[in-house]
PDB file of all heavy atoms in Angstrom:
ATOM      1  N   LEU A   1       7.212 -12.805  17.794  1.00  0.00           N
ATOM      2  CA  LEU A   1       6.450 -14.155  17.668  1.00  0.00           C
ATOM      3  C   LEU A   1       7.342 -15.141  16.942  1.00  0.00           C
ATOM      4  O   LEU A   1       6.993 -16.224  16.627  1.00  0.00           O
ATOM      5  CB  LEU A   1       5.252 -13.845  16.723  1.00  0.00           C
ATOM      6  CG  LEU A   1       4.165 -13.055  17.384  1.00  0.00           C
ATOM      7  CD1 LEU A   1       3.088 -12.713  16.289  1.00  0.00           C
ATOM      8  CD2 LEU A   1       3.554 -13.781  18.497  1.00  0.00           C
ATOM      9  N   GLY A   2       8.698 -14.749  16.791  1.00  0.00           N
ATOM     10  CA  GLY A   2       9.625 -15.683  16.149  1.00  0.00           C
ATOM     11  C   GLY A   2       9.825 -15.596  14.739  1.00  0.00           C
ATOM     12  O   GLY A   2      10.436 -16.556  14.183  1.00  0.00           O
ATOM     13  N   ALA A   3       9.381 -14.628  14.025  1.00  0.00           N
ATOM     14  CA  ALA A   3       9.453 -14.478  12.580  1.00  0.00           C
ATOM     15  C   ALA A   3      10.913 -14.390  12.124  1.00  0.00           C
ATOM     16  O   ALA A   3      11.719 -13.651  12.782  1.00  0.00           O
ATOM     17  CB  ALA A   3       8.622 -13.331  12.091  1.00  0.00           C
ATOM     18  N   ASP A   4      11.179 -15.074  11.079  1.00  0.00           N
ATOM     19  CA  ASP A   4      12.514 -14.828  10.333  1.00  0.00           C
ATOM     20  C   ASP A   4      12.311 -13.904   9.086  1.00  0.00           C
ATOM     21  O   ASP A   4      13.276 -13.282   8.608  1.00  0.00           O
ATOM     22  CB  ASP A   4      12.987 -16.156   9.753  1.00  0.00           C
ATOM     23  CG  ASP A   4      13.171 -17.203  10.844  1.00  0.00           C
ATOM     24  OD1 ASP A   4      13.846 -16.867  11.883  1.00  0.00           O
ATOM     25  OD2 ASP A   4      12.728 -18.335  10.734  1.00  0.00           O
ATOM     26  N   LEU A   5      11.021 -13.750   8.665  1.00  0.00           N
ATOM     27  CA  LEU A   5      10.656 -12.888   7.579  1.00  0.00           C
ATOM     28  C   LEU A   5       9.281 -12.356   7.853  1.00  0.00           C
ATOM     29  O   LEU A   5       8.335 -13.030   8.097  1.00  0.00           O
ATOM     30  CB  LEU A   5      10.710 -13.818   6.264  1.00  0.00           C
ATOM     31  CG  LEU A   5      10.501 -13.175   4.891  1.00  0.00           C
ATOM     32  CD1 LEU A   5      11.041 -14.030   3.904  1.00  0.00           C
ATOM     33  CD2 LEU A   5       8.998 -12.847   4.637  1.00  0.00           C
ATOM     34  N   ALA A   6       9.075 -11.001   7.601  1.00  0.00           N
ATOM     35  CA  ALA A   6       7.780 -10.365   7.631  1.00  0.00           C
ATOM     36  C   ALA A   6       7.349  -9.841   6.315  1.00  0.00           C
ATOM     37  O   ALA A   6       8.235  -9.213   5.622  1.00  0.00           O
ATOM     38  CB  ALA A   6       7.936  -9.262   8.728  1.00  0.00           C
ATOM     39  N   LEU A   7       6.193 -10.046   5.914  1.00  0.00           N
ATOM     40  CA  LEU A   7       5.646  -9.595   4.643  1.00  0.00           C
ATOM     41  C   LEU A   7       4.322  -8.773   4.757  1.00  0.00           C
ATOM     42  O   LEU A   7       3.517  -9.071   5.538  1.00  0.00           O
ATOM     43  CB  LEU A   7       5.194 -10.899   3.723  1.00  0.00           C
ATOM     44  CG  LEU A   7       4.662 -10.670   2.394  1.00  0.00           C
ATOM     45  CD1 LEU A   7       5.722  -9.905   1.448  1.00  0.00           C
ATOM     46  CD2 LEU A   7       4.211 -11.886   1.768  1.00  0.00           C
ATOM     47  N   PHE A   8       4.450  -7.642   4.087  1.00  0.00           N
ATOM     48  CA  PHE A   8       3.302  -6.663   4.030  1.00  0.00           C
ATOM     49  C   PHE A   8       2.278  -6.944   3.000  1.00  0.00           C
ATOM     50  O   PHE A   8       2.621  -7.644   1.924  1.00  0.00           O
ATOM     51  CB  PHE A   8       3.889  -5.255   3.915  1.00  0.00           C
ATOM     52  CG  PHE A   8       4.431  -4.717   5.135  1.00  0.00           C
ATOM     53  CD1 PHE A   8       5.822  -4.818   5.512  1.00  0.00           C
ATOM     54  CD2 PHE A   8       3.643  -3.886   6.015  1.00  0.00           C
ATOM     55  CE1 PHE A   8       6.332  -4.319   6.598  1.00  0.00           C
ATOM     56  CE2 PHE A   8       4.207  -3.296   7.159  1.00  0.00           C
ATOM     57  CZ  PHE A   8       5.498  -3.532   7.487  1.00  0.00           C
ATOM     58  N   PRO A   9       1.048  -6.443   3.025  1.00  0.00           N
ATOM     59  CA  PRO A   9       0.102  -6.511   1.989  1.00  0.00           C
ATOM     60  C   PRO A   9       0.545  -5.562   0.826  1.00  0.00           C
ATOM     61  O   PRO A   9       1.475  -4.835   0.994  1.00  0.00           O
ATOM     62  CB  PRO A   9      -1.185  -5.972   2.590  1.00  0.00           C
ATOM     63  CG  PRO A   9      -1.047  -5.975   3.975  1.00  0.00           C
ATOM     64  CD  PRO A   9       0.490  -5.808   4.290  1.00  0.00           C
ATOM     65  N   GLU A  10      -0.125  -5.641  -0.338  1.00  0.00           N
ATOM     66  CA  GLU A  10       0.221  -4.888  -1.397  1.00  0.00           C
ATOM     67  C   GLU A  10       0.124  -3.404  -1.167  1.00  0.00           C
ATOM     68  O   GLU A  10      -0.702  -2.861  -0.659  1.00  0.00           O
ATOM     69  CB  GLU A  10      -0.836  -5.274  -2.512  1.00  0.00           C
ATOM     70  CG  GLU A  10      -0.507  -4.635  -3.855  1.00  0.00           C
ATOM     71  CD  GLU A  10      -1.463  -5.171  -4.903  1.00  0.00           C
ATOM     72  OE1 GLU A  10      -2.461  -5.907  -4.567  1.00  0.00           O
ATOM     73  OE2 GLU A  10      -1.360  -4.848  -6.109  1.00  0.00           O
ATOM     74  N   MET A  11       1.298  -2.673  -1.670  1.00  0.00           N
ATOM     75  CA  MET A  11       1.328  -1.224  -1.660  1.00  0.00           C
ATOM     76  C   MET A  11       1.069  -0.611  -0.395  1.00  0.00           C
ATOM     77  O   MET A  11       0.239   0.302  -0.190  1.00  0.00           O
ATOM     78  CB  MET A  11       0.353  -0.714  -2.744  1.00  0.00           C
ATOM     79  CG  MET A  11       0.715   0.651  -3.385  1.00  0.00           C
ATOM     80  SD  MET A  11      -0.462   1.406  -4.523  1.00  0.00           S
ATOM     81  CE  MET A  11      -0.322   0.241  -5.897  1.00  0.00           C
ATOM     82  N   TRP A  12       1.830  -1.013   0.698  1.00  0.00           N
ATOM     83  CA  TRP A  12       1.580  -0.604   2.069  1.00  0.00           C
ATOM     84  C   TRP A  12       1.760   0.896   2.166  1.00  0.00           C
ATOM     85  O   TRP A  12       1.204   1.548   3.018  1.00  0.00           O
ATOM     86  CB  TRP A  12       2.490  -1.389   2.937  1.00  0.00           C
ATOM     87  CG  TRP A  12       2.368  -0.935   4.371  1.00  0.00           C
ATOM     88  CD1 TRP A  12       3.331  -0.162   5.111  1.00  0.00           C
ATOM     89  CD2 TRP A  12       1.288  -0.977   5.308  1.00  0.00           C
ATOM     90  NE1 TRP A  12       2.949   0.164   6.396  1.00  0.00           N
ATOM     91  CE2 TRP A  12       1.698  -0.348   6.507  1.00  0.00           C
ATOM     92  CE3 TRP A  12       0.026  -1.660   5.221  1.00  0.00           C
ATOM     93  CZ2 TRP A  12       0.807  -0.332   7.683  1.00  0.00           C
ATOM     94  CZ3 TRP A  12      -0.796  -1.652   6.271  1.00  0.00           C
ATOM     95  CH2 TRP A  12      -0.369  -0.894   7.516  1.00  0.00           C
ATOM     96  N   SER A  13       2.671   1.519   1.382  1.00  0.00           N
ATOM     97  CA  SER A  13       3.072   2.913   1.624  1.00  0.00           C
ATOM     98  C   SER A  13       1.791   3.820   1.591  1.00  0.00           C
ATOM     99  O   SER A  13       1.700   4.789   2.339  1.00  0.00           O
ATOM    100  CB  SER A  13       4.078   3.429   0.548  1.00  0.00           C
ATOM    101  OG  SER A  13       3.526   3.423  -0.710  1.00  0.00           O
ATOM    102  N   ASN A  14       0.745   3.496   0.726  1.00  0.00           N
ATOM    103  CA  ASN A  14      -0.368   4.231   0.769  1.00  0.00           C
ATOM    104  C   ASN A  14      -1.695   3.349   0.941  1.00  0.00           C
ATOM    105  O   ASN A  14      -2.812   3.854   0.612  1.00  0.00           O
ATOM    106  CB  ASN A  14      -0.506   5.119  -0.482  1.00  0.00           C
ATOM    107  CG  ASN A  14      -1.021   4.399  -1.720  1.00  0.00           C
ATOM    108  OD1 ASN A  14      -0.882   3.103  -1.880  1.00  0.00           O
ATOM    109  ND2 ASN A  14      -1.594   5.076  -2.761  1.00  0.00           N
ATOM    110  N   GLY A  15      -1.488   2.222   1.360  1.00  0.00           N
ATOM    111  CA  GLY A  15      -2.568   1.302   1.627  1.00  0.00           C
ATOM    112  C   GLY A  15      -3.398   0.937   0.441  1.00  0.00           C
ATOM    113  O   GLY A  15      -4.548   0.542   0.507  1.00  0.00           O
ATOM    114  N   TYR A  16      -2.860   0.827  -0.692  1.00  0.00           N
ATOM    115  CA  TYR A  16      -3.455   0.552  -1.917  1.00  0.00           C
ATOM    116  C   TYR A  16      -4.621   1.410  -2.125  1.00  0.00           C
ATOM    117  O   TYR A  16      -5.768   0.952  -2.617  1.00  0.00           O
ATOM    118  CB  TYR A  16      -3.754  -0.970  -2.104  1.00  0.00           C
ATOM    119  CG  TYR A  16      -4.091  -1.388  -3.462  1.00  0.00           C
ATOM    120  CD1 TYR A  16      -3.031  -1.674  -4.395  1.00  0.00           C
ATOM    121  CD2 TYR A  16      -5.415  -1.506  -3.913  1.00  0.00           C
ATOM    122  CE1 TYR A  16      -3.373  -2.044  -5.702  1.00  0.00           C
ATOM    123  CE2 TYR A  16      -5.644  -1.990  -5.188  1.00  0.00           C
ATOM    124  CZ  TYR A  16      -4.680  -2.203  -6.136  1.00  0.00           C
ATOM    125  OH  TYR A  16      -4.943  -2.573  -7.354  1.00  0.00           O
ATOM    126  N   HIS A  17      -4.583   2.655  -1.724  1.00  0.00           N
ATOM    127  CA  HIS A  17      -5.745   3.598  -1.749  1.00  0.00           C
ATOM    128  C   HIS A  17      -5.667   4.325  -3.096  1.00  0.00           C
ATOM    129  O   HIS A  17      -5.311   5.493  -3.195  1.00  0.00           O
ATOM    130  CB  HIS A  17      -5.732   4.592  -0.593  1.00  0.00           C
ATOM    131  CG  HIS A  17      -6.873   5.516  -0.493  1.00  0.00           C
ATOM    132  ND1 HIS A  17      -8.138   5.085  -0.894  1.00  0.00           N
ATOM    133  CD2 HIS A  17      -6.963   6.744   0.093  1.00  0.00           C
ATOM    134  CE1 HIS A  17      -8.886   6.196  -0.602  1.00  0.00           C
ATOM    135  NE2 HIS A  17      -8.218   7.138  -0.169  1.00  0.00           N
ATOM    136  N   ILE A  18      -6.177   3.657  -4.188  1.00  0.00           N
ATOM    137  CA  ILE A  18      -6.082   4.201  -5.490  1.00  0.00           C
ATOM    138  C   ILE A  18      -7.354   4.178  -6.160  1.00  0.00           C
ATOM    139  O   ILE A  18      -7.439   4.904  -7.260  1.00  0.00           O
ATOM    140  CB  ILE A  18      -5.018   3.459  -6.408  1.00  0.00           C
ATOM    141  CG1 ILE A  18      -5.528   1.999  -6.651  1.00  0.00           C
ATOM    142  CG2 ILE A  18      -3.613   3.462  -5.739  1.00  0.00           C
ATOM    143  CD1 ILE A  18      -4.559   1.313  -7.644  1.00  0.00           C
ATOM    144  N   TYR A  19      -8.418   3.540  -5.595  1.00  0.00           N
ATOM    145  CA  TYR A  19      -9.740   3.582  -6.289  1.00  0.00           C
ATOM    146  C   TYR A  19     -10.594   4.791  -5.780  1.00  0.00           C
ATOM    147  O   TYR A  19     -10.432   5.179  -4.608  1.00  0.00           O
ATOM    148  CB  TYR A  19     -10.433   2.278  -5.993  1.00  0.00           C
ATOM    149  CG  TYR A  19      -9.808   1.058  -6.697  1.00  0.00           C
ATOM    150  CD1 TYR A  19      -8.812   0.296  -6.191  1.00  0.00           C
ATOM    151  CD2 TYR A  19     -10.357   0.838  -7.946  1.00  0.00           C
ATOM    152  CE1 TYR A  19      -8.337  -0.786  -6.928  1.00  0.00           C
ATOM    153  CE2 TYR A  19      -9.782  -0.255  -8.698  1.00  0.00           C
ATOM    154  CZ  TYR A  19      -8.839  -1.013  -8.210  1.00  0.00           C
ATOM    155  OH  TYR A  19      -8.291  -1.986  -8.945  1.00  0.00           O
ATOM    156  N   GLY A  20     -11.399   5.197  -6.675  1.00  0.00           N
ATOM    157  CA  GLY A  20     -12.302   6.329  -6.357  1.00  0.00           C
ATOM    158  C   GLY A  20     -11.645   7.629  -6.120  1.00  0.00           C
ATOM    159  O   GLY A  20     -12.200   8.580  -5.491  1.00  0.00           O
ATOM    160  N   ARG A  21     -10.383   7.861  -6.589  1.00  0.00           N
ATOM    161  CA  ARG A  21      -9.628   9.057  -6.408  1.00  0.00           C
ATOM    162  C   ARG A  21      -9.158   9.502  -7.776  1.00  0.00           C
ATOM    163  O   ARG A  21      -8.827   8.694  -8.728  1.00  0.00           O
ATOM    164  CB  ARG A  21      -8.442   8.889  -5.435  1.00  0.00           C
ATOM    165  CG  ARG A  21      -8.903   8.365  -4.090  1.00  0.00           C
ATOM    166  CD  ARG A  21      -7.567   8.001  -3.232  1.00  0.00           C
ATOM    167  NE  ARG A  21      -6.822   9.149  -2.998  1.00  0.00           N
ATOM    168  CZ  ARG A  21      -5.495   9.009  -2.640  1.00  0.00           C
ATOM    169  NH1 ARG A  21      -4.942   7.859  -2.397  1.00  0.00           N
ATOM    170  NH2 ARG A  21      -4.814  10.162  -2.318  1.00  0.00           N
ATOM    171  N   PRO A  22      -8.848  10.836  -7.906  1.00  0.00           N
ATOM    172  CA  PRO A  22      -8.226  11.240  -9.174  1.00  0.00           C
ATOM    173  C   PRO A  22      -6.845  10.713  -9.344  1.00  0.00           C
ATOM    174  O   PRO A  22      -6.183  10.558  -8.417  1.00  0.00           O
ATOM    175  CB  PRO A  22      -8.157  12.854  -8.947  1.00  0.00           C
ATOM    176  CG  PRO A  22      -9.229  13.168  -7.925  1.00  0.00           C
ATOM    177  CD  PRO A  22      -9.220  11.910  -6.974  1.00  0.00           C
ATOM    178  N   VAL A  23      -6.598  10.255 -10.649  1.00  0.00           N
ATOM    179  CA  VAL A  23      -5.309   9.618 -10.758  1.00  0.00           C
ATOM    180  C   VAL A  23      -4.180  10.505 -10.394  1.00  0.00           C
ATOM    181  O   VAL A  23      -3.220  10.010  -9.793  1.00  0.00           O
ATOM    182  CB  VAL A  23      -5.130   9.272 -12.350  1.00  0.00           C
ATOM    183  CG1 VAL A  23      -3.743   8.766 -12.659  1.00  0.00           C
ATOM    184  CG2 VAL A  23      -6.241   8.282 -12.742  1.00  0.00           C
ATOM    185  N   GLU A  24      -4.226  11.848 -10.706  1.00  0.00           N
ATOM    186  CA  GLU A  24      -3.175  12.730 -10.209  1.00  0.00           C
ATOM    187  C   GLU A  24      -2.890  12.734  -8.773  1.00  0.00           C
ATOM    188  O   GLU A  24      -1.735  12.925  -8.378  1.00  0.00           O
ATOM    189  CB  GLU A  24      -3.532  14.191 -10.835  1.00  0.00           C
ATOM    190  CG  GLU A  24      -3.563  14.258 -12.380  1.00  0.00           C
ATOM    191  CD  GLU A  24      -4.924  13.788 -12.900  1.00  0.00           C
ATOM    192  OE1 GLU A  24      -5.881  13.505 -12.033  1.00  0.00           O
ATOM    193  OE2 GLU A  24      -5.027  13.539 -14.109  1.00  0.00           O
ATOM    194  N   GLU A  25      -3.910  12.581  -8.109  1.00  0.00           N
ATOM    195  CA  GLU A  25      -3.864  12.634  -6.553  1.00  0.00           C
ATOM    196  C   GLU A  25      -3.111  11.525  -6.044  1.00  0.00           C
ATOM    197  O   GLU A  25      -2.082  11.594  -5.306  1.00  0.00           O
ATOM    198  CB  GLU A  25      -5.288  12.660  -5.991  1.00  0.00           C
ATOM    199  CG  GLU A  25      -5.253  12.798  -4.509  1.00  0.00           C
ATOM    200  CD  GLU A  25      -6.660  12.897  -3.902  1.00  0.00           C
ATOM    201  OE1 GLU A  25      -7.343  13.876  -4.147  1.00  0.00           O
ATOM    202  OE2 GLU A  25      -7.148  11.980  -3.272  1.00  0.00           O
ATOM    203  N   TRP A  26      -3.463  10.190  -6.507  1.00  0.00           N
ATOM    204  CA  TRP A  26      -2.774   9.027  -5.894  1.00  0.00           C
ATOM    205  C   TRP A  26      -1.460   8.773  -6.385  1.00  0.00           C
ATOM    206  O   TRP A  26      -0.455   8.376  -5.794  1.00  0.00           O
ATOM    207  CB  TRP A  26      -3.651   7.800  -5.877  1.00  0.00           C
ATOM    208  CG  TRP A  26      -4.180   7.240  -7.145  1.00  0.00           C
ATOM    209  CD1 TRP A  26      -5.353   7.380  -7.822  1.00  0.00           C
ATOM    210  CD2 TRP A  26      -3.409   6.279  -8.005  1.00  0.00           C
ATOM    211  NE1 TRP A  26      -5.331   6.715  -8.999  1.00  0.00           N
ATOM    212  CE2 TRP A  26      -4.116   6.059  -9.176  1.00  0.00           C
ATOM    213  CE3 TRP A  26      -2.131   5.683  -7.842  1.00  0.00           C
ATOM    214  CZ2 TRP A  26      -3.866   5.066 -10.075  1.00  0.00           C
ATOM    215  CZ3 TRP A  26      -1.740   4.850  -8.892  1.00  0.00           C
ATOM    216  CH2 TRP A  26      -2.527   4.614 -10.001  1.00  0.00           C
ATOM    217  N   THR A  27      -1.233   9.101  -7.789  1.00  0.00           N
ATOM    218  CA  THR A  27       0.046   8.963  -8.383  1.00  0.00           C
ATOM    219  C   THR A  27       1.038   9.910  -7.714  1.00  0.00           C
ATOM    220  O   THR A  27       2.276   9.517  -7.578  1.00  0.00           O
ATOM    221  CB  THR A  27       0.054   9.127  -9.823  1.00  0.00           C
ATOM    222  OG1 THR A  27      -0.461  10.406 -10.279  1.00  0.00           O
ATOM    223  CG2 THR A  27      -0.737   7.931 -10.485  1.00  0.00           C
ATOM    224  N   ALA A  28       0.632  10.968  -7.109  1.00  0.00           N
ATOM    225  CA  ALA A  28       1.462  11.905  -6.452  1.00  0.00           C
ATOM    226  C   ALA A  28       2.067  11.370  -5.250  1.00  0.00           C
ATOM    227  O   ALA A  28       2.967  11.938  -4.691  1.00  0.00           O
ATOM    228  CB  ALA A  28       0.810  13.244  -6.193  1.00  0.00           C
TER     229      ALA A  28
END
């Protein structure tokens, strides 16, 4: 599409999936 720079949403590696889960699970 002609981009010179591509930007992802926040915390793409795990999709910012940190709510409603045990802290130990998502921090791992």
